[in-house]
């Protein structure tokens, strides 16, 4: 089974979040596969806007009936998701 692999940038803050979200949503829409994976392993400088981007991607995938998986969350991103109460919506895949 084919999976569309998308990658978060190293820097994801308020200043570039809208552009990043638009790019990722476009990639989700144009993906020929039903399964999409977002890898966050490169993410090193980020704020809560990263959560908004991931949630936006989740909404986009759901609206298209696509399966979205998250991988390689940095520990600080997991902590931020827990703090904001959205960790249940951004569950990492094994």
PDB file of N, CA and C in Angstrom:
ATOM      1  N   UNK A   1       0.836  -1.174   0.000  1.00  0.00           N
ATOM      2  CA  UNK A   1       0.000   0.000   0.000  1.00  0.00           C
ATOM      3  C   UNK A   1       0.887   1.246   0.000  1.00  0.00           C
ATOM      4  N   UNK A   2       0.534   2.199  -0.801  1.00  0.00           N
ATOM      5  CA  UNK A   2       1.307   3.417  -0.953  1.00  0.00           C
ATOM      6  C   UNK A   2       0.848   4.474   0.057  1.00  0.00           C
ATOM      7  N   UNK A   3       1.814   5.195   0.605  1.00  0.00           N
ATOM      8  CA  UNK A   3       1.530   6.258   1.569  1.00  0.00           C
ATOM      9  C   UNK A   3       2.188   7.534   1.071  1.00  0.00           C
ATOM     10  N   UNK A   4       1.453   8.631   1.120  1.00  0.00           N
ATOM     11  CA  UNK A   4       2.024   9.940   0.792  1.00  0.00           C
ATOM     12  C   UNK A   4       2.773  10.434   2.022  1.00  0.00           C
ATOM     13  N   UNK A   5       4.061  10.711   1.877  1.00  0.00           N
ATOM     14  CA  UNK A   5       4.880  11.172   2.994  1.00  0.00           C
ATOM     15  C   UNK A   5       5.064  12.682   2.917  1.00  0.00           C
ATOM     16  N   UNK A   6       4.628  13.367   3.962  1.00  0.00           N
ATOM     17  CA  UNK A   6       4.784  14.810   4.061  1.00  0.00           C
ATOM     18  C   UNK A   6       5.679  15.106   5.256  1.00  0.00           C
ATOM     19  N   UNK A   7       6.446  16.180   5.180  1.00  0.00           N
ATOM     20  CA  UNK A   7       7.412  16.493   6.228  1.00  0.00           C
ATOM     21  C   UNK A   7       7.225  17.920   6.713  1.00  0.00           C
ATOM     22  N   UNK A   8       7.219  18.076   8.029  1.00  0.00           N
ATOM     23  CA  UNK A   8       7.173  19.420   8.599  1.00  0.00           C
ATOM     24  C   UNK A   8       8.550  20.056   8.482  1.00  0.00           C
ATOM     25  N   UNK A   9       8.595  21.370   8.326  1.00  0.00           N
ATOM     26  CA  UNK A   9       9.887  22.053   8.257  1.00  0.00           C
ATOM     27  C   UNK A   9      10.551  22.097   9.638  1.00  0.00           C
ATOM     28  N   UNK A  10      11.811  22.456   9.687  1.00  0.00           N
ATOM     29  CA  UNK A  10      12.532  22.566  10.960  1.00  0.00           C
ATOM     30  C   UNK A  10      11.967  23.705  11.806  1.00  0.00           C
ATOM     31  N   UNK A  11      11.578  24.788  11.155  1.00  0.00           N
ATOM     32  CA  UNK A  11      11.065  25.976  11.843  1.00  0.00           C
ATOM     33  C   UNK A  11       9.590  26.142  11.506  1.00  0.00           C
ATOM     34  N   UNK A  12       8.735  26.060  12.507  1.00  0.00           N
ATOM     35  CA  UNK A  12       7.298  26.209  12.288  1.00  0.00           C
ATOM     36  C   UNK A  12       6.728  27.073  13.405  1.00  0.00           C
ATOM     37  N   UNK A  13       6.641  28.356  13.094  1.00  0.00           N
ATOM     38  CA  UNK A  13       6.137  29.340  14.055  1.00  0.00           C
ATOM     39  C   UNK A  13       5.007  30.134  13.421  1.00  0.00           C
ATOM     40  N   UNK A  14       4.444  31.025  14.194  1.00  0.00           N
ATOM     41  CA  UNK A  14       3.322  31.836  13.730  1.00  0.00           C
ATOM     42  C   UNK A  14       3.613  32.513  12.391  1.00  0.00           C
ATOM     43  N   UNK A  15       4.842  32.959  12.205  1.00  0.00           N
ATOM     44  CA  UNK A  15       5.200  33.714  11.001  1.00  0.00           C
ATOM     45  C   UNK A  15       5.100  32.907   9.709  1.00  0.00           C
ATOM     46  N   UNK A  16       5.265  31.605   9.779  1.00  0.00           N
ATOM     47  CA  UNK A  16       5.203  30.792   8.556  1.00  0.00           C
ATOM     48  C   UNK A  16       4.149  29.684   8.625  1.00  0.00           C
ATOM     49  N   UNK A  17       3.327  29.691   9.662  1.00  0.00           N
ATOM     50  CA  UNK A  17       2.350  28.622   9.853  1.00  0.00           C
ATOM     51  C   UNK A  17       1.286  28.590   8.756  1.00  0.00           C
ATOM     52  N   UNK A  18       0.768  29.737   8.359  1.00  0.00           N
ATOM     53  CA  UNK A  18      -0.287  29.763   7.343  1.00  0.00           C
ATOM     54  C   UNK A  18       0.218  29.202   6.020  1.00  0.00           C
ATOM     55  N   UNK A  19       1.420  29.590   5.634  1.00  0.00           N
ATOM     56  CA  UNK A  19       2.000  29.094   4.377  1.00  0.00           C
ATOM     57  C   UNK A  19       2.269  27.595   4.465  1.00  0.00           C
ATOM     58  N   UNK A  20       2.759  27.142   5.604  1.00  0.00           N
ATOM     59  CA  UNK A  20       3.032  25.716   5.791  1.00  0.00           C
ATOM     60  C   UNK A  20       1.735  24.920   5.728  1.00  0.00           C
ATOM     61  N   UNK A  21       0.704  25.404   6.395  1.00  0.00           N
ATOM     62  CA  UNK A  21      -0.589  24.712   6.377  1.00  0.00           C
ATOM     63  C   UNK A  21      -1.145  24.642   4.962  1.00  0.00           C
ATOM     64  N   UNK A  22      -1.093  25.749   4.240  1.00  0.00           N
ATOM     65  CA  UNK A  22      -1.615  25.763   2.869  1.00  0.00           C
ATOM     66  C   UNK A  22      -0.881  24.752   1.995  1.00  0.00           C
ATOM     67  N   UNK A  23       0.433  24.680   2.149  1.00  0.00           N
ATOM     68  CA  UNK A  23       1.228  23.740   1.352  1.00  0.00           C
ATOM     69  C   UNK A  23       0.870  22.295   1.709  1.00  0.00           C
ATOM     70  N   UNK A  24       0.780  21.999   2.991  1.00  0.00           N
ATOM     71  CA  UNK A  24       0.462  20.632   3.415  1.00  0.00           C
ATOM     72  C   UNK A  24      -0.949  20.235   2.997  1.00  0.00           C
ATOM     73  N   UNK A  25      -1.899  21.156   3.139  1.00  0.00           N
ATOM     74  CA  UNK A  25      -3.271  20.848   2.722  1.00  0.00           C
ATOM     75  C   UNK A  25      -3.330  20.578   1.222  1.00  0.00           C
ATOM     76  N   UNK A  26      -2.592  21.339   0.454  1.00  0.00           N
ATOM     77  CA  UNK A  26      -2.540  21.123  -0.993  1.00  0.00           C
ATOM     78  C   UNK A  26      -1.973  19.739  -1.307  1.00  0.00           C
ATOM     79  N   UNK A  27      -0.931  19.354  -0.581  1.00  0.00           N
ATOM     80  CA  UNK A  27      -0.330  18.042  -0.792  1.00  0.00           C
ATOM     81  C   UNK A  27      -1.283  16.921  -0.392  1.00  0.00           C
ATOM     82  N   UNK A  28      -2.042  17.134   0.662  1.00  0.00           N
ATOM     83  CA  UNK A  28      -3.024  16.137   1.083  1.00  0.00           C
ATOM     84  C   UNK A  28      -4.097  15.991   0.007  1.00  0.00           C
ATOM     85  N   UNK A  29      -4.602  17.127  -0.486  1.00  0.00           N
ATOM     86  CA  UNK A  29      -5.641  17.096  -1.527  1.00  0.00           C
ATOM     87  C   UNK A  29      -5.147  16.429  -2.805  1.00  0.00           C
ATOM     88  N   UNK A  30      -3.917  16.717  -3.191  1.00  0.00           N
ATOM     89  CA  UNK A  30      -3.409  16.202  -4.471  1.00  0.00           C
ATOM     90  C   UNK A  30      -2.861  14.785  -4.384  1.00  0.00           C
ATOM     91  N   UNK A  31      -2.755  14.252  -3.197  1.00  0.00           N
ATOM     92  CA  UNK A  31      -2.243  12.894  -3.027  1.00  0.00           C
ATOM     93  C   UNK A  31      -3.187  11.882  -3.670  1.00  0.00           C
ATOM     94  N   UNK A  32      -2.615  10.998  -4.466  1.00  0.00           N
ATOM     95  CA  UNK A  32      -3.406   9.957  -5.123  1.00  0.00           C
ATOM     96  C   UNK A  32      -3.750   8.823  -4.162  1.00  0.00           C
ATOM     97  N   UNK A  33      -3.093   8.794  -3.020  1.00  0.00           N
ATOM     98  CA  UNK A  33      -3.335   7.719  -2.055  1.00  0.00           C
ATOM     99  C   UNK A  33      -4.298   8.176  -0.965  1.00  0.00           C
ATOM    100  N   UNK A  34      -4.928   7.210  -0.321  1.00  0.00           N
ATOM    101  CA  UNK A  34      -5.835   7.501   0.788  1.00  0.00           C
ATOM    102  C   UNK A  34      -5.084   7.652   2.100  1.00  0.00           C
ATOM    103  N   UNK A  35      -3.862   7.158   2.154  1.00  0.00           N
ATOM    104  CA  UNK A  35      -3.070   7.202   3.379  1.00  0.00           C
ATOM    105  C   UNK A  35      -1.994   8.273   3.276  1.00  0.00           C
ATOM    106  N   UNK A  36      -1.989   9.153   4.269  1.00  0.00           N
ATOM    107  CA  UNK A  36      -1.030  10.259   4.304  1.00  0.00           C
ATOM    108  C   UNK A  36      -0.320  10.219   5.651  1.00  0.00           C
ATOM    109  N   UNK A  37       0.980  10.422   5.616  1.00  0.00           N
ATOM    110  CA  UNK A  37       1.775  10.436   6.843  1.00  0.00           C
ATOM    111  C   UNK A  37       2.525  11.751   6.931  1.00  0.00           C
ATOM    112  N   UNK A  38       2.428  12.396   8.079  1.00  0.00           N
ATOM    113  CA  UNK A  38       3.187  13.621   8.326  1.00  0.00           C
ATOM    114  C   UNK A  38       4.295  13.296   9.315  1.00  0.00           C
ATOM    115  N   UNK A  39       5.516  13.540   8.889  1.00  0.00           N
ATOM    116  CA  UNK A  39       6.676  13.285   9.735  1.00  0.00           C
ATOM    117  C   UNK A  39       7.162  14.608  10.325  1.00  0.00           C
ATOM    118  N   UNK A  40       7.355  14.605  11.644  1.00  0.00           N
ATOM    119  CA  UNK A  40       7.749  15.815  12.353  1.00  0.00           C
ATOM    120  C   UNK A  40       9.173  15.738  12.894  1.00  0.00           C
ATOM    121  N   UNK A  41       9.944  14.788  12.418  1.00  0.00           N
ATOM    122  CA  UNK A  41      11.300  14.585  12.936  1.00  0.00           C
ATOM    123  C   UNK A  41      12.240  15.749  12.729  1.00  0.00           C
ATOM    124  N   UNK A  42      12.020  16.568  11.706  1.00  0.00           N
ATOM    125  CA  UNK A  42      12.883  17.727  11.451  1.00  0.00           C
ATOM    126  C   UNK A  42      12.528  18.928  12.313  1.00  0.00           C
ATOM    127  N   UNK A  43      11.364  18.906  12.931  1.00  0.00           N
ATOM    128  CA  UNK A  43      10.854  20.048  13.679  1.00  0.00           C
ATOM    129  C   UNK A  43      11.745  20.328  14.891  1.00  0.00           C
ATOM    130  N   UNK A  44      12.349  21.521  14.917  1.00  0.00           N
ATOM    131  CA  UNK A  44      13.216  21.868  16.040  1.00  0.00           C
ATOM    132  C   UNK A  44      12.848  23.204  16.676  1.00  0.00           C
ATOM    133  N   UNK A  45      12.410  24.183  15.897  1.00  0.00           N
ATOM    134  CA  UNK A  45      11.998  25.492  16.405  1.00  0.00           C
ATOM    135  C   UNK A  45      10.520  25.674  16.078  1.00  0.00           C
ATOM    136  N   UNK A  46       9.681  25.692  17.123  1.00  0.00           N
ATOM    137  CA  UNK A  46       8.245  25.780  16.878  1.00  0.00           C
ATOM    138  C   UNK A  46       7.539  26.381  18.076  1.00  0.00           C
ATOM    139  N   UNK A  47       6.320  26.837  17.818  1.00  0.00           N
ATOM    140  CA  UNK A  47       5.446  27.314  18.875  1.00  0.00           C
ATOM    141  C   UNK A  47       4.102  26.615  18.731  1.00  0.00           C
ATOM    142  N   UNK A  48       3.097  27.101  19.404  1.00  0.00           N
ATOM    143  CA  UNK A  48       1.799  26.437  19.368  1.00  0.00           C
ATOM    144  C   UNK A  48       1.169  26.451  17.974  1.00  0.00           C
ATOM    145  N   UNK A  49       1.676  27.280  17.086  1.00  0.00           N
ATOM    146  CA  UNK A  49       1.179  27.281  15.705  1.00  0.00           C
ATOM    147  C   UNK A  49       1.394  25.929  15.042  1.00  0.00           C
ATOM    148  N   UNK A  50       2.390  25.185  15.468  1.00  0.00           N
ATOM    149  CA  UNK A  50       2.630  23.846  14.915  1.00  0.00           C
ATOM    150  C   UNK A  50       1.427  22.945  15.187  1.00  0.00           C
ATOM    151  N   UNK A  51       0.828  23.088  16.355  1.00  0.00           N
ATOM    152  CA  UNK A  51      -0.363  22.300  16.671  1.00  0.00           C
ATOM    153  C   UNK A  51      -1.521  22.691  15.756  1.00  0.00           C
ATOM    154  N   UNK A  52      -1.662  23.990  15.520  1.00  0.00           N
ATOM    155  CA  UNK A  52      -2.733  24.462  14.633  1.00  0.00           C
ATOM    156  C   UNK A  52      -2.545  23.901  13.224  1.00  0.00           C
ATOM    157  N   UNK A  53      -1.312  23.842  12.759  1.00  0.00           N
ATOM    158  CA  UNK A  53      -1.030  23.290  11.437  1.00  0.00           C
ATOM    159  C   UNK A  53      -1.400  21.810  11.389  1.00  0.00           C
ATOM    160  N   UNK A  54      -1.006  21.066  12.389  1.00  0.00           N
ATOM    161  CA  UNK A  54      -1.312  19.638  12.420  1.00  0.00           C
ATOM    162  C   UNK A  54      -2.816  19.389  12.508  1.00  0.00           C
ATOM    163  N   UNK A  55      -3.512  20.184  13.302  1.00  0.00           N
ATOM    164  CA  UNK A  55      -4.962  20.038  13.396  1.00  0.00           C
ATOM    165  C   UNK A  55      -5.642  20.408  12.077  1.00  0.00           C
ATOM    166  N   UNK A  56      -5.123  21.417  11.401  1.00  0.00           N
ATOM    167  CA  UNK A  56      -5.652  21.795  10.095  1.00  0.00           C
ATOM    168  C   UNK A  56      -5.464  20.685   9.072  1.00  0.00           C
ATOM    169  N   UNK A  57      -4.326  20.034   9.142  1.00  0.00           N
ATOM    170  CA  UNK A  57      -4.073  18.895   8.245  1.00  0.00           C
ATOM    171  C   UNK A  57      -5.022  17.749   8.560  1.00  0.00           C
ATOM    172  N   UNK A  58      -5.263  17.543   9.826  1.00  0.00           N
ATOM    173  CA  UNK A  58      -6.187  16.480  10.239  1.00  0.00           C
ATOM    174  C   UNK A  58      -7.586  16.763   9.697  1.00  0.00           C
ATOM    175  N   UNK A  59      -8.047  18.000   9.831  1.00  0.00           N
ATOM    176  CA  UNK A  59      -9.371  18.372   9.305  1.00  0.00           C
ATOM    177  C   UNK A  59      -9.436  18.179   7.791  1.00  0.00           C
ATOM    178  N   UNK A  60      -8.373  18.576   7.096  1.00  0.00           N
ATOM    179  CA  UNK A  60      -8.340  18.435   5.634  1.00  0.00           C
ATOM    180  C   UNK A  60      -8.435  16.970   5.237  1.00  0.00           C
ATOM    181  N   UNK A  61      -7.646  16.141   5.885  1.00  0.00           N
ATOM    182  CA  UNK A  61      -7.654  14.705   5.567  1.00  0.00           C
ATOM    183  C   UNK A  61      -9.033  14.097   5.858  1.00  0.00           C
ATOM    184  N   UNK A  62      -9.610  14.448   6.988  1.00  0.00           N
ATOM    185  CA  UNK A  62     -10.934  13.915   7.332  1.00  0.00           C
ATOM    186  C   UNK A  62     -11.988  14.351   6.319  1.00  0.00           C
ATOM    187  N   UNK A  63     -11.905  15.591   5.855  1.00  0.00           N
ATOM    188  CA  UNK A  63     -12.900  16.082   4.898  1.00  0.00           C
ATOM    189  C   UNK A  63     -12.817  15.341   3.565  1.00  0.00           C
ATOM    190  N   UNK A  64     -11.654  14.751   3.289  1.00  0.00           N
ATOM    191  CA  UNK A  64     -11.437  14.000   2.057  1.00  0.00           C
ATOM    192  C   UNK A  64     -11.505  12.487   2.285  1.00  0.00           C
ATOM    193  N   UNK A  65     -11.881  12.100   3.488  1.00  0.00           N
ATOM    194  CA  UNK A  65     -11.946  10.683   3.884  1.00  0.00           C
ATOM    195  C   UNK A  65     -10.603   9.980   3.705  1.00  0.00           C
ATOM    196  N   UNK A  66      -9.531  10.705   4.015  1.00  0.00           N
ATOM    197  CA  UNK A  66      -8.187  10.119   3.955  1.00  0.00           C
ATOM    198  C   UNK A  66      -7.717   9.804   5.369  1.00  0.00           C
ATOM    199  N   UNK A  67      -6.845   8.830   5.460  1.00  0.00           N
ATOM    200  CA  UNK A  67      -6.268   8.449   6.740  1.00  0.00           C
ATOM    201  C   UNK A  67      -4.969   9.224   6.934  1.00  0.00           C
ATOM    202  N   UNK A  68      -4.872   9.928   8.055  1.00  0.00           N
ATOM    203  CA  UNK A  68      -3.680  10.724   8.344  1.00  0.00           C
ATOM    204  C   UNK A  68      -2.973  10.141   9.551  1.00  0.00           C
ATOM    205  N   UNK A  69      -1.685   9.919   9.403  1.00  0.00           N
ATOM    206  CA  UNK A  69      -0.862   9.404  10.494  1.00  0.00           C
ATOM    207  C   UNK A  69       0.226  10.421  10.807  1.00  0.00           C
ATOM    208  N   UNK A  70       0.598  10.475  12.070  1.00  0.00           N
ATOM    209  CA  UNK A  70       1.668  11.364  12.521  1.00  0.00           C
ATOM    210  C   UNK A  70       2.828  10.520  13.022  1.00  0.00           C
ATOM    211  N   UNK A  71       4.046  10.948  12.697  1.00  0.00           N
ATOM    212  CA  UNK A  71       5.246  10.212  13.120  1.00  0.00           C
ATOM    213  C   UNK A  71       6.320  11.184  13.598  1.00  0.00           C
ATOM    214  N   UNK A  72       7.175  10.697  14.455  1.00  0.00           N
ATOM    215  CA  UNK A  72       8.413  11.363  14.877  1.00  0.00           C
ATOM    216  C   UNK A  72       8.187  12.702  15.572  1.00  0.00           C
ATOM    217  N   UNK A  73       7.197  12.777  16.449  1.00  0.00           N
ATOM    218  CA  UNK A  73       6.998  14.014  17.194  1.00  0.00           C
ATOM    219  C   UNK A  73       8.157  14.236  18.162  1.00  0.00           C
ATOM    220  N   UNK A  74       8.729  15.431  18.172  1.00  0.00           N
ATOM    221  CA  UNK A  74       9.699  15.756  19.218  1.00  0.00           C
ATOM    222  C   UNK A  74       8.988  15.764  20.579  1.00  0.00           C
ATOM    223  N   UNK A  75       9.725  15.468  21.632  1.00  0.00           N
ATOM    224  CA  UNK A  75       9.137  15.406  22.975  1.00  0.00           C
ATOM    225  C   UNK A  75       8.433  16.711  23.343  1.00  0.00           C
ATOM    226  N   UNK A  76       9.004  17.841  22.972  1.00  0.00           N
ATOM    227  CA  UNK A  76       8.394  19.130  23.316  1.00  0.00           C
ATOM    228  C   UNK A  76       7.070  19.342  22.590  1.00  0.00           C
ATOM    229  N   UNK A  77       6.916  18.782  21.400  1.00  0.00           N
ATOM    230  CA  UNK A  77       5.641  18.880  20.683  1.00  0.00           C
ATOM    231  C   UNK A  77       4.583  18.042  21.391  1.00  0.00           C
ATOM    232  N   UNK A  78       4.964  16.869  21.862  1.00  0.00           N
ATOM    233  CA  UNK A  78       4.033  16.031  22.627  1.00  0.00           C
ATOM    234  C   UNK A  78       3.579  16.757  23.888  1.00  0.00           C
ATOM    235  N   UNK A  79       4.540  17.398  24.571  1.00  0.00           N
ATOM    236  CA  UNK A  79       4.223  18.144  25.795  1.00  0.00           C
ATOM    237  C   UNK A  79       3.277  19.306  25.503  1.00  0.00           C
ATOM    238  N   UNK A  80       3.516  20.009  24.414  1.00  0.00           N
ATOM    239  CA  UNK A  80       2.679  21.135  24.026  1.00  0.00           C
ATOM    240  C   UNK A  80       1.266  20.664  23.698  1.00  0.00           C
ATOM    241  N   UNK A  81       1.136  19.548  23.001  1.00  0.00           N
ATOM    242  CA  UNK A  81      -0.179  18.996  22.670  1.00  0.00           C
ATOM    243  C   UNK A  81      -0.942  18.612  23.935  1.00  0.00           C
ATOM    244  N   UNK A  82      -0.240  18.059  24.896  1.00  0.00           N
ATOM    245  CA  UNK A  82      -0.853  17.692  26.170  1.00  0.00           C
ATOM    246  C   UNK A  82      -1.301  18.943  26.916  1.00  0.00           C
ATOM    247  N   UNK A  83      -0.453  19.954  26.948  1.00  0.00           N
ATOM    248  CA  UNK A  83      -0.756  21.214  27.623  1.00  0.00           C
ATOM    249  C   UNK A  83      -2.002  21.877  27.033  1.00  0.00           C
ATOM    250  N   UNK A  84      -2.128  21.845  25.712  1.00  0.00           N
ATOM    251  CA  UNK A  84      -3.265  22.470  25.035  1.00  0.00           C
ATOM    252  C   UNK A  84      -4.491  21.558  24.940  1.00  0.00           C
ATOM    253  N   UNK A  85      -4.369  20.329  25.427  1.00  0.00           N
ATOM    254  CA  UNK A  85      -5.504  19.418  25.458  1.00  0.00           C
ATOM    255  C   UNK A  85      -5.881  18.825  24.106  1.00  0.00           C
ATOM    256  N   UNK A  86      -4.912  18.730  23.211  1.00  0.00           N
ATOM    257  CA  UNK A  86      -5.205  18.172  21.883  1.00  0.00           C
ATOM    258  C   UNK A  86      -4.418  16.894  21.589  1.00  0.00           C
ATOM    259  N   UNK A  87      -3.799  16.341  22.597  1.00  0.00           N
ATOM    260  CA  UNK A  87      -2.968  15.151  22.379  1.00  0.00           C
ATOM    261  C   UNK A  87      -3.785  13.974  21.848  1.00  0.00           C
ATOM    262  N   UNK A  88      -5.075  13.894  22.216  1.00  0.00           N
ATOM    263  CA  UNK A  88      -5.919  12.799  21.734  1.00  0.00           C
ATOM    264  C   UNK A  88      -6.214  12.941  20.239  1.00  0.00           C
ATOM    265  N   UNK A  89      -6.117  14.159  19.733  1.00  0.00           N
ATOM    266  CA  UNK A  89      -6.378  14.400  18.309  1.00  0.00           C
ATOM    267  C   UNK A  89      -5.142  14.227  17.440  1.00  0.00           C
ATOM    268  N   UNK A  90      -3.984  14.221  18.080  1.00  0.00           N
ATOM    269  CA  UNK A  90      -2.710  14.136  17.341  1.00  0.00           C
ATOM    270  C   UNK A  90      -1.903  12.935  17.811  1.00  0.00           C
ATOM    271  N   UNK A  91      -2.501  11.786  17.725  1.00  0.00           N
ATOM    272  CA  UNK A  91      -1.856  10.552  18.198  1.00  0.00           C
ATOM    273  C   UNK A  91      -0.822  10.089  17.181  1.00  0.00           C
ATOM    274  N   UNK A  92       0.373   9.823  17.684  1.00  0.00           N
ATOM    275  CA  UNK A  92       1.448   9.314  16.810  1.00  0.00           C
ATOM    276  C   UNK A  92       1.202   7.856  16.465  1.00  0.00           C
ATOM    277  N   UNK A  93       1.499   7.499  15.238  1.00  0.00           N
ATOM    278  CA  UNK A  93       1.422   6.109  14.805  1.00  0.00           C
ATOM    279  C   UNK A  93       2.724   5.402  15.129  1.00  0.00           C
ATOM    280  N   UNK A  94       2.610   4.128  15.392  1.00  0.00           N
ATOM    281  CA  UNK A  94       3.805   3.327  15.708  1.00  0.00           C
ATOM    282  C   UNK A  94       4.635   3.098  14.475  1.00  0.00           C
TER     283      UNK A  94
END
